[in-house]
Amino acid sequence: MPDITPDIVLDTKGLNCPLPILKAKKALTGMENGQHLELASTDPGAVKDFQAFCNATGNKLNAHWMDGDVFMFMIERIV
């Protein structure tokens, strides 16, 4: 878990691709540059999906980790 306080926390547990990505995109759109989104997902493809999403959008995936069986992500709004 990174030492960053998120500005928004988003729970997408139980949702499969593309819904976690779409919800993250919507949340990030309303955020200021430099703010952080913490997202929880149970989708097994989430790590690859969010790496690709951040590469494609220019946002920064600061960290990803496991919290039990939940994939956690800290994404920084860059663009």
PDB file of N, CA and C in Angstrom:
ATOM      1  N   MET A   1       0.846  -1.178   0.000  1.00  0.00           N
ATOM      2  CA  MET A   1       0.000   0.000   0.000  1.00  0.00           C
ATOM      3  C   MET A   1       0.890   1.239   0.000  1.00  0.00           C
ATOM      4  N   PRO A   2       0.650   2.135  -0.940  1.00  0.00           N
ATOM      5  CA  PRO A   2       1.492   3.338  -1.027  1.00  0.00           C
ATOM      6  C   PRO A   2       1.163   4.339   0.077  1.00  0.00           C
ATOM      7  N   ASP A   3       2.102   5.215   0.339  1.00  0.00           N
ATOM      8  CA  ASP A   3       1.922   6.248   1.358  1.00  0.00           C
ATOM      9  C   ASP A   3       1.323   7.496   0.708  1.00  0.00           C
ATOM     10  N   ILE A   4       0.165   7.308   0.056  1.00  0.00           N
ATOM     11  CA  ILE A   4      -0.532   8.389  -0.639  1.00  0.00           C
ATOM     12  C   ILE A   4      -1.978   8.374  -0.147  1.00  0.00           C
ATOM     13  N   THR A   5      -2.492   9.539   0.205  1.00  0.00           N
ATOM     14  CA  THR A   5      -3.896   9.631   0.593  1.00  0.00           C
ATOM     15  C   THR A   5      -4.720   9.862  -0.661  1.00  0.00           C
ATOM     16  N   PRO A   6      -5.656   8.950  -0.966  1.00  0.00           N
ATOM     17  CA  PRO A   6      -6.447   9.125  -2.182  1.00  0.00           C
ATOM     18  C   PRO A   6      -7.455  10.268  -2.038  1.00  0.00           C
ATOM     19  N   ASP A   7      -7.733  10.930  -3.147  1.00  0.00           N
ATOM     20  CA  ASP A   7      -8.760  11.968  -3.189  1.00  0.00           C
ATOM     21  C   ASP A   7     -10.137  11.337  -3.413  1.00  0.00           C
ATOM     22  N   ILE A   8     -10.159  10.229  -4.134  1.00  0.00           N
ATOM     23  CA  ILE A   8     -11.388   9.478  -4.394  1.00  0.00           C
ATOM     24  C   ILE A   8     -11.083   7.998  -4.211  1.00  0.00           C
ATOM     25  N   VAL A   9     -12.012   7.274  -3.589  1.00  0.00           N
ATOM     26  CA  VAL A   9     -11.913   5.822  -3.432  1.00  0.00           C
ATOM     27  C   VAL A   9     -13.071   5.213  -4.206  1.00  0.00           C
ATOM     28  N   LEU A  10     -12.751   4.254  -5.071  1.00  0.00           N
ATOM     29  CA  LEU A  10     -13.751   3.637  -5.937  1.00  0.00           C
ATOM     30  C   LEU A  10     -13.737   2.130  -5.736  1.00  0.00           C
ATOM     31  N   ASP A  11     -14.891   1.566  -5.427  1.00  0.00           N
ATOM     32  CA  ASP A  11     -15.038   0.133  -5.216  1.00  0.00           C
ATOM     33  C   ASP A  11     -15.700  -0.481  -6.445  1.00  0.00           C
ATOM     34  N   THR A  12     -14.943  -1.271  -7.206  1.00  0.00           N
ATOM     35  CA  THR A  12     -15.505  -1.946  -8.376  1.00  0.00           C
ATOM     36  C   THR A  12     -15.496  -3.456  -8.178  1.00  0.00           C
ATOM     37  N   LYS A  13     -15.429  -3.899  -6.918  1.00  0.00           N
ATOM     38  CA  LYS A  13     -15.420  -5.334  -6.642  1.00  0.00           C
ATOM     39  C   LYS A  13     -16.692  -5.972  -7.206  1.00  0.00           C
ATOM     40  N   GLY A  14     -16.526  -7.143  -7.817  1.00  0.00           N
ATOM     41  CA  GLY A  14     -17.649  -7.866  -8.394  1.00  0.00           C
ATOM     42  C   GLY A  14     -17.939  -7.497  -9.834  1.00  0.00           C
ATOM     43  N   LEU A  15     -17.288  -6.457 -10.330  1.00  0.00           N
ATOM     44  CA  LEU A  15     -17.484  -6.045 -11.719  1.00  0.00           C
ATOM     45  C   LEU A  15     -16.350  -6.569 -12.583  1.00  0.00           C
ATOM     46  N   ASN A  16     -16.663  -6.959 -13.809  1.00  0.00           N
ATOM     47  CA  ASN A  16     -15.646  -7.439 -14.739  1.00  0.00           C
ATOM     48  C   ASN A  16     -15.429  -6.417 -15.846  1.00  0.00           C
ATOM     49  N   CYS A  17     -14.299  -6.554 -16.516  1.00  0.00           N
ATOM     50  CA  CYS A  17     -13.920  -5.675 -17.613  1.00  0.00           C
ATOM     51  C   CYS A  17     -15.058  -5.633 -18.630  1.00  0.00           C
ATOM     52  N   PRO A  18     -15.393  -4.481 -19.124  1.00  0.00           N
ATOM     53  CA  PRO A  18     -14.698  -3.187 -19.019  1.00  0.00           C
ATOM     54  C   PRO A  18     -15.217  -2.268 -17.920  1.00  0.00           C
ATOM     55  N   LEU A  19     -16.132  -2.730 -17.078  1.00  0.00           N
ATOM     56  CA  LEU A  19     -16.759  -1.823 -16.111  1.00  0.00           C
ATOM     57  C   LEU A  19     -15.788  -1.152 -15.142  1.00  0.00           C
ATOM     58  N   PRO A  20     -14.797  -1.856 -14.556  1.00  0.00           N
ATOM     59  CA  PRO A  20     -13.858  -1.128 -13.679  1.00  0.00           C
ATOM     60  C   PRO A  20     -13.104  -0.015 -14.417  1.00  0.00           C
ATOM     61  N   ILE A  21     -12.716  -0.271 -15.651  1.00  0.00           N
ATOM     62  CA  ILE A  21     -12.016   0.749 -16.451  1.00  0.00           C
ATOM     63  C   ILE A  21     -12.945   1.924 -16.734  1.00  0.00           C
ATOM     64  N   LEU A  22     -14.182   1.645 -17.126  1.00  0.00           N
ATOM     65  CA  LEU A  22     -15.126   2.721 -17.435  1.00  0.00           C
ATOM     66  C   LEU A  22     -15.418   3.570 -16.202  1.00  0.00           C
ATOM     67  N   LYS A  23     -15.563   2.941 -15.048  1.00  0.00           N
ATOM     68  CA  LYS A  23     -15.816   3.694 -13.814  1.00  0.00           C
ATOM     69  C   LYS A  23     -14.591   4.518 -13.413  1.00  0.00           C
ATOM     70  N   ALA A  24     -13.394   3.964 -13.613  1.00  0.00           N
ATOM     71  CA  ALA A  24     -12.167   4.715 -13.323  1.00  0.00           C
ATOM     72  C   ALA A  24     -12.044   5.913 -14.258  1.00  0.00           C
ATOM     73  N   LYS A  25     -12.333   5.696 -15.531  1.00  0.00           N
ATOM     74  CA  LYS A  25     -12.245   6.782 -16.512  1.00  0.00           C
ATOM     75  C   LYS A  25     -13.194   7.918 -16.140  1.00  0.00           C
ATOM     76  N   LYS A  26     -14.417   7.567 -15.752  1.00  0.00           N
ATOM     77  CA  LYS A  26     -15.406   8.577 -15.363  1.00  0.00           C
ATOM     78  C   LYS A  26     -14.933   9.336 -14.120  1.00  0.00           C
ATOM     79  N   ALA A  27     -14.421   8.615 -13.128  1.00  0.00           N
ATOM     80  CA  ALA A  27     -13.943   9.266 -11.905  1.00  0.00           C
ATOM     81  C   ALA A  27     -12.766  10.190 -12.201  1.00  0.00           C
ATOM     82  N   LEU A  28     -11.818   9.732 -13.003  1.00  0.00           N
ATOM     83  CA  LEU A  28     -10.626  10.528 -13.315  1.00  0.00           C
ATOM     84  C   LEU A  28     -10.980  11.783 -14.097  1.00  0.00           C
ATOM     85  N   THR A  29     -11.999  11.698 -14.930  1.00  0.00           N
ATOM     86  CA  THR A  29     -12.409  12.855 -15.733  1.00  0.00           C
ATOM     87  C   THR A  29     -12.810  14.031 -14.846  1.00  0.00           C
ATOM     88  N   GLY A  30     -13.409  13.746 -13.702  1.00  0.00           N
ATOM     89  CA  GLY A  30     -13.841  14.802 -12.796  1.00  0.00           C
ATOM     90  C   GLY A  30     -12.790  15.248 -11.798  1.00  0.00           C
ATOM     91  N   MET A  31     -11.579  14.726 -11.920  1.00  0.00           N
ATOM     92  CA  MET A  31     -10.523  15.044 -10.956  1.00  0.00           C
ATOM     93  C   MET A  31      -9.555  16.076 -11.511  1.00  0.00           C
ATOM     94  N   GLU A  32      -8.855  16.743 -10.594  1.00  0.00           N
ATOM     95  CA  GLU A  32      -7.815  17.709 -10.966  1.00  0.00           C
ATOM     96  C   GLU A  32      -6.496  16.967 -11.197  1.00  0.00           C
ATOM     97  N   ASN A  33      -5.628  17.553 -12.015  1.00  0.00           N
ATOM     98  CA  ASN A  33      -4.293  16.984 -12.212  1.00  0.00           C
ATOM     99  C   ASN A  33      -3.587  16.876 -10.867  1.00  0.00           C
ATOM    100  N   GLY A  34      -2.924  15.737 -10.647  1.00  0.00           N
ATOM    101  CA  GLY A  34      -2.197  15.506  -9.408  1.00  0.00           C
ATOM    102  C   GLY A  34      -3.020  14.829  -8.318  1.00  0.00           C
ATOM    103  N   GLN A  35      -4.332  14.719  -8.511  1.00  0.00           N
ATOM    104  CA  GLN A  35      -5.147  14.020  -7.530  1.00  0.00           C
ATOM    105  C   GLN A  35      -5.028  12.516  -7.739  1.00  0.00           C
ATOM    106  N   HIS A  36      -5.362  11.751  -6.688  1.00  0.00           N
ATOM    107  CA  HIS A  36      -5.193  10.293  -6.719  1.00  0.00           C
ATOM    108  C   HIS A  36      -6.515   9.560  -6.548  1.00  0.00           C
ATOM    109  N   LEU A  37      -6.674   8.526  -7.344  1.00  0.00           N
ATOM    110  CA  LEU A  37      -7.819   7.625  -7.288  1.00  0.00           C
ATOM    111  C   LEU A  37      -7.343   6.280  -6.773  1.00  0.00           C
ATOM    112  N   GLU A  38      -7.970   5.804  -5.691  1.00  0.00           N
ATOM    113  CA  GLU A  38      -7.710   4.455  -5.216  1.00  0.00           C
ATOM    114  C   GLU A  38      -8.880   3.590  -5.660  1.00  0.00           C
ATOM    115  N   LEU A  39      -8.574   2.479  -6.305  1.00  0.00           N
ATOM    116  CA  LEU A  39      -9.608   1.618  -6.861  1.00  0.00           C
ATOM    117  C   LEU A  39      -9.407   0.188  -6.396  1.00  0.00           C
ATOM    118  N   ALA A  40     -10.511  -0.472  -6.028  1.00  0.00           N
ATOM    119  CA  ALA A  40     -10.508  -1.874  -5.628  1.00  0.00           C
ATOM    120  C   ALA A  40     -11.239  -2.682  -6.690  1.00  0.00           C
ATOM    121  N   SER A  41     -10.657  -3.828  -7.076  1.00  0.00           N
ATOM    122  CA  SER A  41     -11.262  -4.674  -8.100  1.00  0.00           C
ATOM    123  C   SER A  41     -11.011  -6.140  -7.788  1.00  0.00           C
ATOM    124  N   THR A  42     -11.970  -6.973  -8.155  1.00  0.00           N
ATOM    125  CA  THR A  42     -11.795  -8.424  -8.043  1.00  0.00           C
ATOM    126  C   THR A  42     -11.634  -9.069  -9.405  1.00  0.00           C
ATOM    127  N   ASP A  43     -11.612  -8.271 -10.465  1.00  0.00           N
ATOM    128  CA  ASP A  43     -11.447  -8.783 -11.823  1.00  0.00           C
ATOM    129  C   ASP A  43     -10.024  -9.318 -11.984  1.00  0.00           C
ATOM    130  N   PRO A  44      -9.867 -10.617 -12.322  1.00  0.00           N
ATOM    131  CA  PRO A  44      -8.521 -11.192 -12.438  1.00  0.00           C
ATOM    132  C   PRO A  44      -7.653 -10.528 -13.511  1.00  0.00           C
ATOM    133  N   GLY A  45      -8.247  -9.876 -14.476  1.00  0.00           N
ATOM    134  CA  GLY A  45      -7.470  -9.197 -15.519  1.00  0.00           C
ATOM    135  C   GLY A  45      -7.183  -7.748 -15.215  1.00  0.00           C
ATOM    136  N   ALA A  46      -7.518  -7.304 -14.018  1.00  0.00           N
ATOM    137  CA  ALA A  46      -7.435  -5.880 -13.687  1.00  0.00           C
ATOM    138  C   ALA A  46      -6.022  -5.317 -13.764  1.00  0.00           C
ATOM    139  N   VAL A  47      -5.017  -6.074 -13.348  1.00  0.00           N
ATOM    140  CA  VAL A  47      -3.648  -5.533 -13.356  1.00  0.00           C
ATOM    141  C   VAL A  47      -3.236  -5.169 -14.777  1.00  0.00           C
ATOM    142  N   LYS A  48      -3.393  -6.106 -15.697  1.00  0.00           N
ATOM    143  CA  LYS A  48      -3.036  -5.811 -17.095  1.00  0.00           C
ATOM    144  C   LYS A  48      -3.930  -4.716 -17.666  1.00  0.00           C
ATOM    145  N   ASP A  49      -5.219  -4.754 -17.330  1.00  0.00           N
ATOM    146  CA  ASP A  49      -6.150  -3.745 -17.841  1.00  0.00           C
ATOM    147  C   ASP A  49      -5.766  -2.346 -17.392  1.00  0.00           C
ATOM    148  N   PHE A  50      -5.448  -2.171 -16.107  1.00  0.00           N
ATOM    149  CA  PHE A  50      -5.120  -0.833 -15.617  1.00  0.00           C
ATOM    150  C   PHE A  50      -3.732  -0.370 -16.050  1.00  0.00           C
ATOM    151  N   GLN A  51      -2.802  -1.300 -16.240  1.00  0.00           N
ATOM    152  CA  GLN A  51      -1.510  -0.915 -16.808  1.00  0.00           C
ATOM    153  C   GLN A  51      -1.717  -0.374 -18.222  1.00  0.00           C
ATOM    154  N   ALA A  52      -2.498  -1.078 -19.028  1.00  0.00           N
ATOM    155  CA  ALA A  52      -2.766  -0.643 -20.406  1.00  0.00           C
ATOM    156  C   ALA A  52      -3.559   0.663 -20.420  1.00  0.00           C
ATOM    157  N   PHE A  53      -4.544   0.775 -19.536  1.00  0.00           N
ATOM    158  CA  PHE A  53      -5.361   1.989 -19.456  1.00  0.00           C
ATOM    159  C   PHE A  53      -4.492   3.204 -19.152  1.00  0.00           C
ATOM    160  N   CYS A  54      -3.617   3.089 -18.161  1.00  0.00           N
ATOM    161  CA  CYS A  54      -2.761   4.225 -17.797  1.00  0.00           C
ATOM    162  C   CYS A  54      -1.774   4.558 -18.909  1.00  0.00           C
ATOM    163  N   ASN A  55      -1.225   3.543 -19.556  1.00  0.00           N
ATOM    164  CA  ASN A  55      -0.327   3.798 -20.685  1.00  0.00           C
ATOM    165  C   ASN A  55      -1.061   4.516 -21.811  1.00  0.00           C
ATOM    166  N   ALA A  56      -2.292   4.136 -22.065  1.00  0.00           N
ATOM    167  CA  ALA A  56      -3.061   4.719 -23.165  1.00  0.00           C
ATOM    168  C   ALA A  56      -3.553   6.130 -22.850  1.00  0.00           C
ATOM    169  N   THR A  57      -3.862   6.414 -21.581  1.00  0.00           N
ATOM    170  CA  THR A  57      -4.447   7.712 -21.233  1.00  0.00           C
ATOM    171  C   THR A  57      -3.436   8.726 -20.733  1.00  0.00           C
ATOM    172  N   GLY A  58      -2.246   8.274 -20.351  1.00  0.00           N
ATOM    173  CA  GLY A  58      -1.243   9.187 -19.821  1.00  0.00           C
ATOM    174  C   GLY A  58      -1.337   9.399 -18.319  1.00  0.00           C
ATOM    175  N   ASN A  59      -2.325   8.781 -17.681  1.00  0.00           N
ATOM    176  CA  ASN A  59      -2.389   8.838 -16.218  1.00  0.00           C
ATOM    177  C   ASN A  59      -1.321   7.916 -15.655  1.00  0.00           C
ATOM    178  N   LYS A  60      -0.988   8.084 -14.370  1.00  0.00           N
ATOM    179  CA  LYS A  60       0.117   7.334 -13.788  1.00  0.00           C
ATOM    180  C   LYS A  60      -0.394   6.293 -12.793  1.00  0.00           C
ATOM    181  N   LEU A  61      -0.026   5.042 -13.040  1.00  0.00           N
ATOM    182  CA  LEU A  61      -0.320   3.972 -12.096  1.00  0.00           C
ATOM    183  C   LEU A  61       0.795   3.991 -11.063  1.00  0.00           C
ATOM    184  N   ASN A  62       0.550   4.657  -9.931  1.00  0.00           N
ATOM    185  CA  ASN A  62       1.580   4.802  -8.901  1.00  0.00           C
ATOM    186  C   ASN A  62       1.875   3.498  -8.192  1.00  0.00           C
ATOM    187  N   ALA A  63       0.851   2.662  -8.019  1.00  0.00           N
ATOM    188  CA  ALA A  63       1.051   1.400  -7.306  1.00  0.00           C
ATOM    189  C   ALA A  63      -0.123   0.477  -7.547  1.00  0.00           C
ATOM    190  N   HIS A  64       0.152  -0.811  -7.442  1.00  0.00           N
ATOM    191  CA  HIS A  64      -0.917  -1.806  -7.359  1.00  0.00           C
ATOM    192  C   HIS A  64      -0.456  -2.882  -6.396  1.00  0.00           C
ATOM    193  N   TRP A  65      -1.387  -3.396  -5.604  1.00  0.00           N
ATOM    194  CA  TRP A  65      -1.070  -4.371  -4.572  1.00  0.00           C
ATOM    195  C   TRP A  65      -2.317  -5.211  -4.317  1.00  0.00           C
ATOM    196  N   MET A  66      -2.112  -6.263  -3.544  1.00  0.00           N
ATOM    197  CA  MET A  66      -3.220  -7.142  -3.163  1.00  0.00           C
ATOM    198  C   MET A  66      -3.632  -6.836  -1.724  1.00  0.00           C
ATOM    199  N   ASP A  67      -4.918  -6.810  -1.493  1.00  0.00           N
ATOM    200  CA  ASP A  67      -5.479  -6.702  -0.155  1.00  0.00           C
ATOM    201  C   ASP A  67      -6.387  -7.919   0.008  1.00  0.00           C
ATOM    202  N   GLY A  68      -5.805  -9.010   0.474  1.00  0.00           N
ATOM    203  CA  GLY A  68      -6.521 -10.287   0.480  1.00  0.00           C
ATOM    204  C   GLY A  68      -6.675 -10.770  -0.950  1.00  0.00           C
ATOM    205  N   ASP A  69      -7.907 -10.938  -1.401  1.00  0.00           N
ATOM    206  CA  ASP A  69      -8.144 -11.363  -2.785  1.00  0.00           C
ATOM    207  C   ASP A  69      -8.602 -10.203  -3.667  1.00  0.00           C
ATOM    208  N   VAL A  70      -8.363  -8.971  -3.210  1.00  0.00           N
ATOM    209  CA  VAL A  70      -8.772  -7.779  -3.949  1.00  0.00           C
ATOM    210  C   VAL A  70      -7.539  -7.087  -4.522  1.00  0.00           C
ATOM    211  N   PHE A  71      -7.621  -6.756  -5.808  1.00  0.00           N
ATOM    212  CA  PHE A  71      -6.571  -5.992  -6.474  1.00  0.00           C
ATOM    213  C   PHE A  71      -6.807  -4.512  -6.170  1.00  0.00           C
ATOM    214  N   MET A  72      -5.768  -3.841  -5.686  1.00  0.00           N
ATOM    215  CA  MET A  72      -5.866  -2.428  -5.338  1.00  0.00           C
ATOM    216  C   MET A  72      -4.956  -1.619  -6.255  1.00  0.00           C
ATOM    217  N   PHE A  73      -5.428  -0.439  -6.636  1.00  0.00           N
ATOM    218  CA  PHE A  73      -4.683   0.423  -7.551  1.00  0.00           C
ATOM    219  C   PHE A  73      -4.697   1.853  -7.031  1.00  0.00           C
ATOM    220  N   MET A  74      -3.574   2.544  -7.217  1.00  0.00           N
ATOM    221  CA  MET A  74      -3.482   3.965  -6.929  1.00  0.00           C
ATOM    222  C   MET A  74      -3.092   4.649  -8.231  1.00  0.00           C
ATOM    223  N   ILE A  75      -4.015   5.410  -8.773  1.00  0.00           N
ATOM    224  CA  ILE A  75      -3.815   6.062 -10.067  1.00  0.00           C
ATOM    225  C   ILE A  75      -3.792   7.582  -9.861  1.00  0.00           C
ATOM    226  N   GLU A  76      -2.793   8.219 -10.427  1.00  0.00           N
ATOM    227  CA  GLU A  76      -2.673   9.673 -10.345  1.00  0.00           C
ATOM    228  C   GLU A  76      -3.177  10.300 -11.635  1.00  0.00           C
ATOM    229  N   ARG A  77      -4.059  11.259 -11.497  1.00  0.00           N
ATOM    230  CA  ARG A  77      -4.595  11.990 -12.659  1.00  0.00           C
ATOM    231  C   ARG A  77      -3.474  12.893 -13.178  1.00  0.00           C
ATOM    232  N   ILE A  78      -3.081  12.692 -14.432  1.00  0.00           N
ATOM    233  CA  ILE A  78      -2.001  13.470 -15.027  1.00  0.00           C
ATOM    234  C   ILE A  78      -2.518  14.368 -16.140  1.00  0.00           C
ATOM    235  N   VAL A  79      -3.415  13.844 -16.940  1.00  0.00           N
ATOM    236  CA  VAL A  79      -3.884  14.619 -18.117  1.00  0.00           C
ATOM    237  C   VAL A  79      -5.342  14.971 -18.011  1.00  0.00           C
TER     238      VAL A  79
END
